[in-house]
Amino acid sequence: MQHMTAIIAEQYGSPEVLHSVTREIPTPGVGEILIKVAAAGVNRPDLMQRNGMPTPPGTTDIFGLEASGLVEAVGPGETNWKVGDRVMALLNGGGYASHCIAIADHCLPVPEQVSLIEAAALPEALFTLWHNLYERGRLTPGDSLLIHGGASGLGTLGIALAKATGARVAATAGSAEKVAALSNIGVDLAINYCEQEYVSVINAAWGENAIDVVLDTVGGDYIGRNLEVMAPEGRHVSLSFFAGAEISLSLPTIMRKGLTLTSSTLRPKSRHEKTRLAHRVTHHLLPLLASRKVFPVIYKTFPLERAADAHHVLEQNSNIGKVVLTTITREE
């Protein structure tokens, strides 16, 4: 019987509730693969789960919504993957471990030019951004995009994708250091929301009604202010609501401009829908990573056993880019 290391929390609370346990390495079933994990991305939903947010029925108690590594075994009848393949996986859970089970159709090949540590930072963001930025937000070349939380892992990758596909990008962040980092990765208009009123900055720099697409992670009173800067037929996509879920909107503004307000969340989506998104990401976005026109910003890596430290970084909102847990000391 072979065993693996995994990270769980037996109670809700601070990052310190996370701890290592030893589990039997699972066997992949039909439509599944077993991954020897090299690295796992750390995401804000992990923090929410640790604080008591319910997970979908049947989800493992092992944390982690994305991981990268090498295929170690394939389930019965699986022909798309073989042992030894480099893979990155979107997971319902289980990524914070030395091994994990993944649905084969929710996995992506890791381009040769992308390291396994970089790959661990990608699945959640790639699936989320393809669906929300390009499908729901209908971002096209020449559009102007506003991203809030631009220094996050999702934000930095969204900026890179938008620039690579021909958009002009404005982004907000909460410190001079983060604003400088955004400028360095190609943001056209980087705004410190602690010192500047972003509506006024955008209007002064680009004129009124300049934003075609908004990708918002803040919610609250930001929504109404976002609508002020949006262009006719603009698309507003909400991903989270750190400033509050209850909002007040001006219907005349929405109607006059013909705006679309939409949102989605990834984890509850059906197996079929995630498979569909995997195909779209593979076709449309992986070539940008393979060419290195787009790459993830890695802020910091921690050994798997230091998952609590990684959660502290996200809770302090100090990261510029992605935080990743690793089970390797070098690229394998």
Protein backbone atom coordinates (compact mmCIF):
# COMPACT_ATOMS: atom_id res chain seq x y z
CA MET A 1 0.00 0.00 0.00
CA GLN A 2 1.47 3.36 -1.07
CA HIS A 3 0.85 6.58 0.80
CA MET A 4 0.89 10.29 0.07
CA THR A 5 1.04 13.56 1.98
CA ALA A 6 -2.02 15.82 1.87
CA ILE A 7 -3.22 19.06 3.47
CA ILE A 8 -6.59 19.21 5.23
CA ALA A 9 -8.35 21.20 7.97
CA GLU A 10 -10.37 19.32 10.56
CA GLN A 11 -12.03 22.53 11.72
CA TYR A 12 -12.69 25.99 10.35
CA GLY A 13 -10.51 28.92 11.29
CA SER A 14 -7.20 30.68 10.74
CA PRO A 15 -4.50 29.34 8.39
CA GLU A 16 -3.04 27.39 11.30
CA VAL A 17 -5.89 24.86 11.09
CA LEU A 18 -4.22 23.50 7.93
CA HIS A 19 -2.05 20.48 8.61
CA SER A 20 -0.45 17.50 6.86
CA VAL A 21 -1.92 14.01 6.95
CA THR A 22 -0.91 10.71 5.38
CA ARG A 23 -3.42 9.09 3.05
CA GLU A 24 -3.44 6.09 0.77
CA ILE A 25 -2.69 7.03 -2.83
CA PRO A 26 -6.00 6.71 -4.71
CA THR A 27 -6.56 4.69 -7.87
CA PRO A 28 -7.99 6.49 -10.91
CA GLY A 29 -11.38 5.34 -12.12
CA VAL A 30 -13.02 5.57 -15.53
CA GLY A 31 -12.37 9.01 -17.03
CA GLU A 32 -9.72 9.85 -14.44
CA ILE A 33 -5.94 10.11 -14.17
CA LEU A 34 -3.58 10.02 -11.20
CA ILE A 35 -1.11 12.91 -11.08
CA LYS A 36 2.17 12.95 -9.19
CA VAL A 37 1.88 16.56 -8.10
CA ALA A 38 4.76 18.96 -8.68
CA ALA A 39 2.93 22.08 -7.57
CA ALA A 40 -0.52 23.38 -6.63
CA GLY A 41 -1.97 26.86 -7.02
CA VAL A 42 -3.36 28.69 -3.99
CA ASN A 43 -6.68 30.46 -4.59
CA ARG A 44 -9.03 32.66 -2.60
CA PRO A 45 -11.76 29.98 -2.67
CA ASP A 46 -9.31 27.84 -0.67
CA LEU A 47 -9.37 30.52 2.03
CA MET A 48 -13.15 30.66 1.89
CA GLN A 49 -13.34 26.87 2.24
CA ARG A 50 -11.02 27.00 5.24
CA ASN A 51 -13.34 29.58 6.80
CA GLY A 52 -16.43 27.42 6.35
CA MET A 53 -17.73 27.93 2.81
CA PRO A 54 -19.54 24.72 1.77
CA THR A 55 -17.94 22.65 -0.99
CA PRO A 56 -19.84 20.78 -3.73
CA PRO A 57 -21.22 17.39 -2.66
CA GLY A 58 -18.68 14.59 -2.84
CA THR A 59 -15.66 16.90 -2.76
CA THR A 60 -12.56 15.57 -1.01
CA ASP A 61 -11.51 17.22 2.25
CA ILE A 62 -8.05 17.77 0.75
CA PHE A 63 -7.62 21.40 -0.31
CA GLY A 64 -6.57 22.59 -3.75
CA LEU A 65 -8.44 23.51 -6.95
CA GLU A 66 -5.55 23.22 -9.41
CA ALA A 67 -2.31 21.29 -9.71
CA SER A 68 0.42 20.36 -12.14
CA GLY A 69 2.68 17.35 -12.42
CA LEU A 70 3.28 14.10 -14.25
CA VAL A 71 0.67 11.48 -15.07
CA GLU A 72 1.42 8.46 -12.89
CA ALA A 73 -1.55 6.24 -13.82
CA VAL A 74 -4.60 6.37 -16.06
CA GLY A 75 -8.06 4.99 -15.44
CA PRO A 76 -9.68 2.19 -17.44
CA GLY A 77 -10.19 3.10 -21.09
CA GLU A 78 -8.40 6.44 -20.88
CA THR A 79 -6.54 7.11 -24.15
CA ASN A 80 -5.91 10.87 -24.19
CA TRP A 81 -3.21 10.75 -21.52
CA LYS A 82 -0.31 8.38 -20.88
CA VAL A 83 2.05 7.83 -17.98
CA GLY A 84 4.75 10.50 -17.91
CA ASP A 85 2.77 13.25 -19.62
CA ARG A 86 3.17 16.77 -18.21
CA VAL A 87 -0.26 17.94 -17.18
CA MET A 88 -2.08 20.74 -15.38
CA ALA A 89 -5.51 20.07 -13.95
CA LEU A 90 -8.60 21.92 -12.85
CA LEU A 91 -9.85 20.12 -9.74
CA ASN A 92 -12.87 20.05 -7.47
CA GLY A 93 -10.36 19.54 -4.65
CA GLY A 94 -7.29 17.50 -3.78
CA GLY A 95 -4.46 19.57 -5.24
CA TYR A 96 -2.65 20.20 -1.94
CA ALA A 97 -1.10 16.74 -1.97
CA SER A 98 1.80 14.75 -3.34
CA HIS A 99 -0.70 12.89 -5.58
CA CYS A 100 -4.18 13.76 -6.79
CA ILE A 101 -6.98 12.36 -8.91
CA ALA A 102 -8.16 14.53 -11.81
CA ILE A 103 -10.95 14.20 -14.35
CA ALA A 104 -9.05 13.54 -17.56
CA ASP A 105 -11.20 15.91 -19.62
CA HIS A 106 -10.48 18.78 -17.20
CA CYS A 107 -6.72 18.54 -17.73
CA LEU A 108 -4.54 20.57 -20.06
CA PRO A 109 -1.16 19.67 -21.58
CA VAL A 110 1.72 21.74 -20.22
CA PRO A 111 3.52 23.44 -23.12
CA GLU A 112 7.22 22.64 -23.30
CA GLN A 113 8.07 26.29 -22.67
CA VAL A 114 6.09 26.37 -19.37
CA SER A 115 7.56 24.98 -16.14
CA LEU A 116 5.50 22.73 -13.90
CA ILE A 117 5.57 25.38 -11.18
CA GLU A 118 4.24 27.98 -13.62
CA ALA A 119 1.65 25.46 -14.81
CA ALA A 120 0.20 25.10 -11.31
CA ALA A 121 -0.72 28.79 -11.43
CA LEU A 122 -2.76 28.47 -14.60
CA PRO A 123 -5.85 26.19 -14.69
CA GLU A 124 -8.23 28.15 -12.44
CA ALA A 125 -7.31 31.44 -14.08
CA LEU A 126 -7.35 30.13 -17.65
CA PHE A 127 -10.79 28.54 -17.31
CA THR A 128 -12.15 31.59 -15.47
CA LEU A 129 -10.71 34.15 -17.85
CA TRP A 130 -11.69 32.36 -21.04
CA HIS A 131 -15.28 32.05 -19.91
CA ASN A 132 -15.64 35.50 -18.35
CA LEU A 133 -13.34 37.72 -20.36
CA TYR A 134 -13.86 36.25 -23.81
CA GLU A 135 -17.23 34.46 -23.75
CA ARG A 136 -19.28 36.56 -21.33
CA GLY A 137 -17.27 39.76 -21.70
CA ARG A 138 -16.80 39.31 -25.46
CA LEU A 139 -13.40 41.04 -25.34
CA THR A 140 -12.14 41.74 -28.85
CA PRO A 141 -9.05 43.46 -30.29
CA GLY A 142 -9.26 47.22 -29.84
CA ASP A 143 -11.50 47.04 -26.76
CA SER A 144 -10.67 48.90 -23.56
CA LEU A 145 -10.68 46.70 -20.45
CA LEU A 146 -10.82 47.66 -16.77
CA ILE A 147 -9.60 45.02 -14.30
CA HIS A 148 -9.95 45.50 -10.55
CA GLY A 149 -7.50 43.59 -8.38
CA GLY A 150 -4.96 43.72 -11.17
CA ALA A 151 -2.06 42.49 -9.01
CA SER A 152 -3.70 39.18 -8.12
CA GLY A 153 -2.82 35.94 -9.87
CA LEU A 154 -6.03 36.17 -11.90
CA GLY A 155 -5.52 39.86 -12.56
CA THR A 156 -1.94 39.60 -13.80
CA LEU A 157 -2.80 36.73 -16.14
CA GLY A 158 -5.92 38.55 -17.35
CA ILE A 159 -3.82 41.60 -18.15
CA ALA A 160 -1.31 39.51 -20.09
CA LEU A 161 -4.03 37.75 -22.09
CA ALA A 162 -5.89 40.98 -22.85
CA LYS A 163 -2.73 42.70 -24.07
CA ALA A 164 -1.74 39.68 -26.15
CA THR A 165 -5.15 39.68 -27.83
CA GLY A 166 -5.13 43.36 -28.71
CA ALA A 167 -6.94 45.16 -25.88
CA ARG A 168 -6.06 48.36 -24.04
CA VAL A 169 -5.97 47.75 -20.28
CA ALA A 170 -6.61 49.86 -17.19
CA ALA A 171 -6.11 48.15 -13.84
CA THR A 172 -6.41 49.07 -10.17
CA ALA A 173 -4.21 48.01 -7.26
CA GLY A 174 -3.74 49.06 -3.66
CA SER A 175 -0.12 50.20 -3.33
CA ALA A 176 2.59 52.08 -5.20
CA GLU A 177 4.58 48.85 -5.45
CA LYS A 178 1.69 47.01 -7.09
CA VAL A 179 0.96 49.89 -9.46
CA ALA A 180 4.60 49.88 -10.55
CA ALA A 181 4.43 46.13 -11.10
CA LEU A 182 1.31 46.51 -13.24
CA SER A 183 3.04 49.11 -15.39
CA ASN A 184 6.00 46.76 -15.80
CA ILE A 185 3.77 43.97 -17.17
CA GLY A 186 2.22 46.25 -19.77
CA VAL A 187 -0.84 47.88 -18.21
CA ASP A 188 -1.69 51.04 -20.15
CA LEU A 189 -3.24 52.83 -17.17
CA ALA A 190 -2.33 51.62 -13.66
CA ILE A 191 -4.32 53.22 -10.83
CA ASN A 192 -3.66 53.23 -7.08
CA TYR A 193 -7.18 53.03 -5.66
CA CYS A 194 -5.93 54.04 -2.21
CA GLU A 195 -4.73 57.40 -3.52
CA GLN A 196 -6.71 58.00 -6.71
CA GLU A 197 -10.38 57.93 -7.68
CA TYR A 198 -10.32 55.54 -10.61
CA VAL A 199 -13.36 57.00 -12.39
CA SER A 200 -11.74 60.43 -12.54
CA VAL A 201 -8.38 58.97 -13.62
CA ILE A 202 -9.93 56.99 -16.48
CA ASN A 203 -12.07 59.91 -17.63
CA ALA A 204 -9.07 62.24 -17.62
CA ALA A 205 -6.79 59.81 -19.45
CA TRP A 206 -9.13 58.19 -21.95
CA GLY A 207 -12.24 60.34 -21.97
CA GLU A 208 -15.72 59.55 -20.70
CA ASN A 209 -17.49 56.26 -21.51
CA ALA A 210 -14.24 54.63 -22.58
CA ILE A 211 -14.42 51.14 -21.05
CA ASP A 212 -15.86 48.32 -23.16
CA VAL A 213 -15.37 45.49 -20.63
CA VAL A 214 -15.07 45.50 -16.83
CA LEU A 215 -13.75 42.50 -14.91
CA ASP A 216 -14.73 43.19 -11.31
CA THR A 217 -13.77 41.30 -8.15
CA VAL A 218 -14.83 43.97 -5.66
CA GLY A 219 -18.59 44.39 -5.84
CA GLY A 220 -20.28 46.81 -3.47
CA ASP A 221 -20.27 50.45 -4.52
CA TYR A 222 -17.66 49.73 -7.20
CA ILE A 223 -20.38 48.41 -9.50
CA GLY A 224 -22.19 51.70 -9.86
CA ARG A 225 -18.90 53.54 -10.37
CA ASN A 226 -17.84 51.01 -12.99
CA LEU A 227 -21.00 51.73 -14.96
CA GLU A 228 -20.07 55.42 -15.08
CA VAL A 229 -16.94 54.76 -17.16
CA MET A 230 -18.45 52.14 -19.45
CA ALA A 231 -18.96 52.64 -23.16
CA PRO A 232 -22.28 52.08 -24.96
CA GLU A 233 -22.92 48.32 -25.32
CA GLY A 234 -20.30 47.67 -22.62
CA ARG A 235 -20.09 44.35 -20.77
CA HIS A 236 -19.65 44.18 -16.99
CA VAL A 237 -18.51 40.81 -15.54
CA SER A 238 -18.55 40.22 -11.77
CA LEU A 239 -16.31 37.52 -10.32
CA SER A 240 -16.47 38.26 -6.60
CA PHE A 241 -17.76 40.80 -4.08
CA PHE A 242 -15.15 41.57 -1.43
CA ALA A 243 -16.75 44.99 -0.79
CA GLY A 244 -20.25 43.54 -0.47
CA ALA A 245 -22.82 41.48 -2.37
CA GLU A 246 -25.69 43.96 -2.01
CA ILE A 247 -25.53 46.70 -4.64
CA SER A 248 -27.61 49.64 -5.85
CA LEU A 249 -27.68 50.37 -9.58
CA SER A 250 -29.03 53.10 -11.84
CA LEU A 251 -31.32 51.43 -14.36
CA PRO A 252 -31.41 54.57 -16.52
CA THR A 253 -27.62 54.35 -16.92
CA ILE A 254 -27.82 50.68 -17.87
CA MET A 255 -30.66 51.29 -20.30
CA ARG A 256 -29.22 54.45 -21.85
CA LYS A 257 -25.88 52.77 -22.55
CA GLY A 258 -27.32 49.35 -23.39
CA LEU A 259 -25.02 47.64 -20.90
CA THR A 260 -24.78 43.92 -20.18
CA LEU A 261 -24.21 42.86 -16.56
CA THR A 262 -23.23 39.24 -16.09
CA SER A 263 -21.27 36.96 -13.76
CA SER A 264 -20.31 33.37 -13.13
CA THR A 265 -18.41 31.13 -10.76
CA LEU A 266 -16.31 28.16 -11.82
CA ARG A 267 -16.40 25.53 -9.09
CA PRO A 268 -20.14 24.63 -9.30
CA LYS A 269 -20.14 24.28 -13.09
CA SER A 270 -21.05 20.88 -14.48
CA ARG A 271 -18.52 18.30 -15.58
CA HIS A 272 -19.70 18.78 -19.17
CA GLU A 273 -19.28 22.56 -19.04
CA LYS A 274 -15.75 22.30 -17.61
CA THR A 275 -14.87 19.85 -20.40
CA ARG A 276 -16.16 22.35 -22.96
CA LEU A 277 -14.07 25.11 -21.39
CA ALA A 278 -10.98 22.88 -21.39
CA HIS A 279 -11.29 22.45 -25.16
CA ARG A 280 -11.65 26.21 -25.69
CA VAL A 281 -8.70 27.03 -23.44
CA THR A 282 -6.52 24.43 -25.20
CA HIS A 283 -7.39 25.83 -28.63
CA HIS A 284 -7.37 29.57 -27.92
CA LEU A 285 -5.09 30.27 -24.95
CA LEU A 286 -2.43 27.56 -24.70
CA PRO A 287 -0.76 28.74 -27.94
CA LEU A 288 -0.16 32.13 -26.27
CA LEU A 289 1.59 30.36 -23.38
CA ALA A 290 3.58 28.12 -25.71
CA SER A 291 4.87 31.20 -27.54
CA ARG A 292 5.63 32.96 -24.21
CA LYS A 293 3.50 35.90 -25.33
CA VAL A 294 1.69 35.18 -22.05
CA PHE A 295 3.09 33.72 -18.85
CA PRO A 296 1.96 33.64 -15.22
CA VAL A 297 3.48 35.94 -12.62
CA ILE A 298 4.66 33.82 -9.67
CA TYR A 299 4.92 35.85 -6.48
CA LYS A 300 6.18 33.21 -4.10
CA THR A 301 6.42 29.44 -3.68
CA PHE A 302 6.15 27.46 -0.45
CA PRO A 303 6.72 23.78 0.29
CA LEU A 304 3.44 21.89 0.54
CA GLU A 305 3.75 21.56 4.31
CA ARG A 306 3.77 25.37 4.62
CA ALA A 307 0.27 25.82 3.20
CA ALA A 308 -0.64 27.97 6.20
CA ASP A 309 2.09 30.47 5.27
CA ALA A 310 0.75 30.61 1.73
CA HIS A 311 -2.76 31.35 3.01
CA HIS A 312 -1.38 34.14 5.20
CA VAL A 313 0.09 35.83 2.11
CA LEU A 314 -3.27 35.86 0.34
CA GLU A 315 -5.11 37.03 3.45
CA GLN A 316 -2.69 39.94 3.82
CA ASN A 317 -3.21 40.75 0.12
CA SER A 318 0.53 41.26 -0.23
CA ASN A 319 1.05 39.17 -3.36
CA ILE A 320 1.76 40.45 -6.85
CA GLY A 321 0.84 37.44 -8.93
CA LYS A 322 0.30 33.87 -7.86
CA VAL A 323 1.24 31.95 -4.72
CA VAL A 324 2.12 28.30 -5.35
CA LEU A 325 2.76 25.24 -3.17
CA THR A 326 5.45 22.83 -4.36
CA THR A 327 6.39 19.22 -3.73
CA ILE A 328 9.62 19.48 -5.76
CA THR A 329 12.86 21.36 -5.18
CA ARG A 330 13.71 21.55 -8.87
CA GLU A 331 11.95 21.14 -12.19
CA GLU A 332 11.44 17.46 -13.00
